[in-house]
Amino acid sequence: MALCALVLVAVGAAGCGEEEGVADGAVVTAYVEAPLCGGGTDDVSVSVPEGDEPFDVRVVCLPDARGTELSQGVGGGRQIDLAAVGANARRATEDSSAIAYLQTGDPAISRFTRPILEAAGIGILTADTRREAMRRLLAILAESDSDDLRADVRDALGQ
């Protein structure tokens, strides 16, 4: 499975799923739909100093759940592979370091990812562009002041 990652530089971070926060040098992860990734194939994480406790932020690009182009007579657009949509969302829920799921505003996809991600307490950030998604996530990270980054992201997104 191909992965791509985008480098995030964040200010402020804490843990997900741990009562004491994330230890020095830990990794937090944001999962990103393919249309917001830009086509890279490498998984990258970057150390980000935060006070005395540096941490890594990793953004993992998910496989594209949009299939082949539909003919214009059928309505245009792309077919959606619902199995891939579900697998992408479940992948994020299986990662205890996941802090957010960044996706486009495609309602056909959101309809299937939202219940899976909400059940796991993972915030869903919807954006039209990668730049917009990253800017919003970084702003949330910069404002975080607790040891539960996953909850901070979810709360900031009103979820």
Protein backbone atom coordinates (compact mmCIF):
# COMPACT_ATOMS: atom_id res chain seq x y z
CA MET A 1 0.00 0.00 0.00
CA ALA A 2 1.50 3.26 -1.09
CA LEU A 3 1.83 5.96 1.54
CA CYS A 4 2.77 9.56 1.18
CA ALA A 5 3.36 12.07 3.88
CA LEU A 6 3.38 15.79 4.19
CA VAL A 7 5.69 17.51 6.59
CA LEU A 8 3.99 19.41 9.38
CA VAL A 9 5.66 21.90 11.62
CA ALA A 10 3.53 22.39 14.69
CA VAL A 11 3.67 24.29 17.88
CA GLY A 12 2.24 22.62 20.93
CA ALA A 13 1.32 19.00 21.10
CA ALA A 14 0.37 16.37 23.53
CA GLY A 15 -0.75 12.82 23.37
CA CYS A 16 -3.61 10.80 22.16
CA GLY A 17 -5.02 7.93 24.07
CA GLU A 18 -2.63 8.27 27.01
CA GLU A 19 -3.53 9.86 30.31
CA GLU A 20 -0.04 11.30 30.80
CA GLY A 21 0.38 12.65 27.26
CA VAL A 22 2.99 11.59 24.76
CA ALA A 23 6.53 10.89 25.86
CA ASP A 24 9.53 12.81 24.59
CA GLY A 25 10.09 11.90 20.92
CA ALA A 26 6.65 10.31 20.42
CA VAL A 27 4.73 10.41 17.14
CA VAL A 28 1.25 11.79 16.49
CA THR A 29 -0.40 11.14 13.12
CA ALA A 30 -2.90 12.82 10.82
CA TYR A 31 -4.44 10.70 8.06
CA VAL A 32 -5.15 12.47 4.76
CA GLU A 33 -7.32 11.54 1.78
CA ALA A 34 -5.41 11.14 -1.48
CA PRO A 35 -6.84 14.25 -3.23
CA LEU A 36 -5.29 16.43 -0.51
CA CYS A 37 -1.90 14.70 -0.63
CA GLY A 38 -0.40 15.80 -3.90
CA GLY A 39 0.74 12.39 -5.16
CA GLY A 40 3.81 11.69 -3.04
CA THR A 41 4.75 8.15 -2.10
CA ASP A 42 7.08 8.42 0.90
CA ASP A 43 6.15 8.34 4.56
CA VAL A 44 7.98 11.12 6.42
CA SER A 45 7.96 12.31 9.99
CA VAL A 46 9.62 15.40 11.36
CA SER A 47 10.79 16.14 14.88
CA VAL A 48 9.18 19.26 16.23
CA PRO A 49 10.56 20.86 19.37
CA GLU A 50 7.86 21.87 21.84
CA GLY A 51 9.28 23.28 25.03
CA ASP A 52 11.52 20.61 26.48
CA GLU A 53 9.67 17.72 24.83
CA PRO A 54 10.22 17.28 21.09
CA PHE A 55 7.71 15.13 19.23
CA ASP A 56 7.15 13.87 15.71
CA VAL A 57 4.14 14.75 13.59
CA ARG A 58 3.48 12.37 10.74
CA VAL A 59 0.90 12.92 8.01
CA VAL A 60 -0.01 9.72 6.22
CA CYS A 61 -1.66 9.92 2.83
CA LEU A 62 -4.25 7.26 2.20
CA PRO A 63 -4.88 5.34 -1.02
CA ASP A 64 -7.32 7.00 -3.38
CA ALA A 65 -10.87 5.67 -2.92
CA ARG A 66 -12.02 7.26 -6.15
CA GLY A 67 -12.01 4.81 -9.02
CA THR A 68 -12.42 5.23 -12.72
CA GLU A 69 -13.94 8.26 -14.42
CA LEU A 70 -17.68 7.93 -15.06
CA SER A 71 -19.06 8.83 -18.49
CA GLN A 72 -20.70 12.23 -18.82
CA GLY A 73 -24.02 10.56 -19.67
CA VAL A 74 -24.07 8.88 -16.25
CA GLY A 75 -23.45 12.09 -14.35
CA GLY A 76 -19.71 12.55 -14.63
CA GLY A 77 -17.33 12.43 -11.69
CA ARG A 78 -15.54 9.36 -10.41
CA GLN A 79 -16.79 6.10 -9.01
CA ILE A 80 -16.18 5.60 -5.32
CA ASP A 81 -14.76 2.36 -3.94
CA LEU A 82 -16.71 2.07 -0.68
CA ALA A 83 -14.49 -0.76 0.55
CA ALA A 84 -11.46 1.52 0.16
CA VAL A 85 -13.29 4.40 1.89
CA GLY A 86 -14.05 2.18 4.86
CA ALA A 87 -10.57 0.68 4.93
CA ASN A 88 -9.01 4.16 4.96
CA ALA A 89 -11.17 5.31 7.89
CA ARG A 90 -10.59 2.08 9.82
CA ARG A 91 -6.86 2.39 9.29
CA ALA A 92 -6.91 5.72 11.13
CA THR A 93 -9.03 4.28 13.95
CA GLU A 94 -6.57 1.43 14.47
CA ASP A 95 -3.70 3.87 15.09
CA SER A 96 -3.62 5.10 18.68
CA SER A 97 -1.42 8.02 17.57
CA ALA A 98 -4.07 9.34 15.13
CA ILE A 99 -5.12 12.90 15.96
CA ALA A 100 -7.12 13.87 12.84
CA TYR A 101 -8.52 12.73 9.52
CA LEU A 102 -8.23 15.30 6.73
CA GLN A 103 -10.61 14.92 3.82
CA THR A 104 -12.28 16.73 0.96
CA GLY A 105 -15.90 17.76 1.26
CA ASP A 106 -17.18 14.92 -0.94
CA PRO A 107 -20.50 14.01 0.73
CA ALA A 108 -20.51 10.51 -0.78
CA ILE A 109 -17.26 9.73 1.01
CA SER A 110 -18.02 11.66 4.21
CA ARG A 111 -21.23 9.72 4.63
CA PHE A 112 -19.20 6.55 5.13
CA THR A 113 -16.10 7.87 6.94
CA ARG A 114 -17.88 10.03 9.52
CA PRO A 115 -19.54 7.25 11.59
CA ILE A 116 -16.34 5.21 11.70
CA LEU A 117 -14.15 8.14 12.75
CA GLU A 118 -16.65 9.61 15.21
CA ALA A 119 -16.96 6.26 16.98
CA ALA A 120 -13.19 6.32 17.52
CA GLY A 121 -13.15 9.96 18.64
CA ILE A 122 -11.00 11.14 15.72
CA GLY A 123 -11.65 14.69 14.48
CA ILE A 124 -12.57 15.13 10.82
CA LEU A 125 -11.13 18.21 9.16
CA THR A 126 -12.75 18.96 5.80
CA ALA A 127 -10.96 21.22 3.32
CA ASP A 128 -10.79 21.92 -0.39
CA THR A 129 -7.00 22.06 -0.61
CA ARG A 130 -3.98 20.57 1.12
CA ARG A 131 -2.76 24.04 2.04
CA GLU A 132 -6.07 24.91 3.72
CA ALA A 133 -6.20 21.57 5.59
CA MET A 134 -2.64 21.93 6.89
CA ARG A 135 -3.12 25.56 7.89
CA ARG A 136 -6.22 24.66 9.90
CA LEU A 137 -4.61 21.65 11.57
CA LEU A 138 -1.50 23.62 12.49
CA ALA A 139 -3.63 26.38 14.00
CA ILE A 140 -5.40 23.81 16.16
CA LEU A 141 -2.09 22.28 17.24
CA ALA A 142 -0.73 25.71 18.11
CA GLU A 143 -3.74 26.39 20.36
CA SER A 144 -3.64 23.02 22.11
CA ASP A 145 -2.96 23.27 25.81
CA SER A 146 -3.86 19.85 27.17
CA ASP A 147 -2.46 16.35 27.23
CA ASP A 148 -5.18 15.01 24.94
CA LEU A 149 -4.42 16.29 21.46
CA ARG A 150 -7.02 14.04 19.84
CA ALA A 151 -9.75 15.61 21.99
CA ASP A 152 -8.38 19.12 21.38
CA VAL A 153 -8.59 18.62 17.61
CA ARG A 154 -12.10 17.18 17.86
CA ASP A 155 -13.25 20.03 20.13
CA ALA A 156 -11.71 22.70 17.88
CA LEU A 157 -13.61 21.23 14.94
CA GLY A 158 -16.86 21.24 16.92
CA GLN A 159 -17.25 17.46 16.95
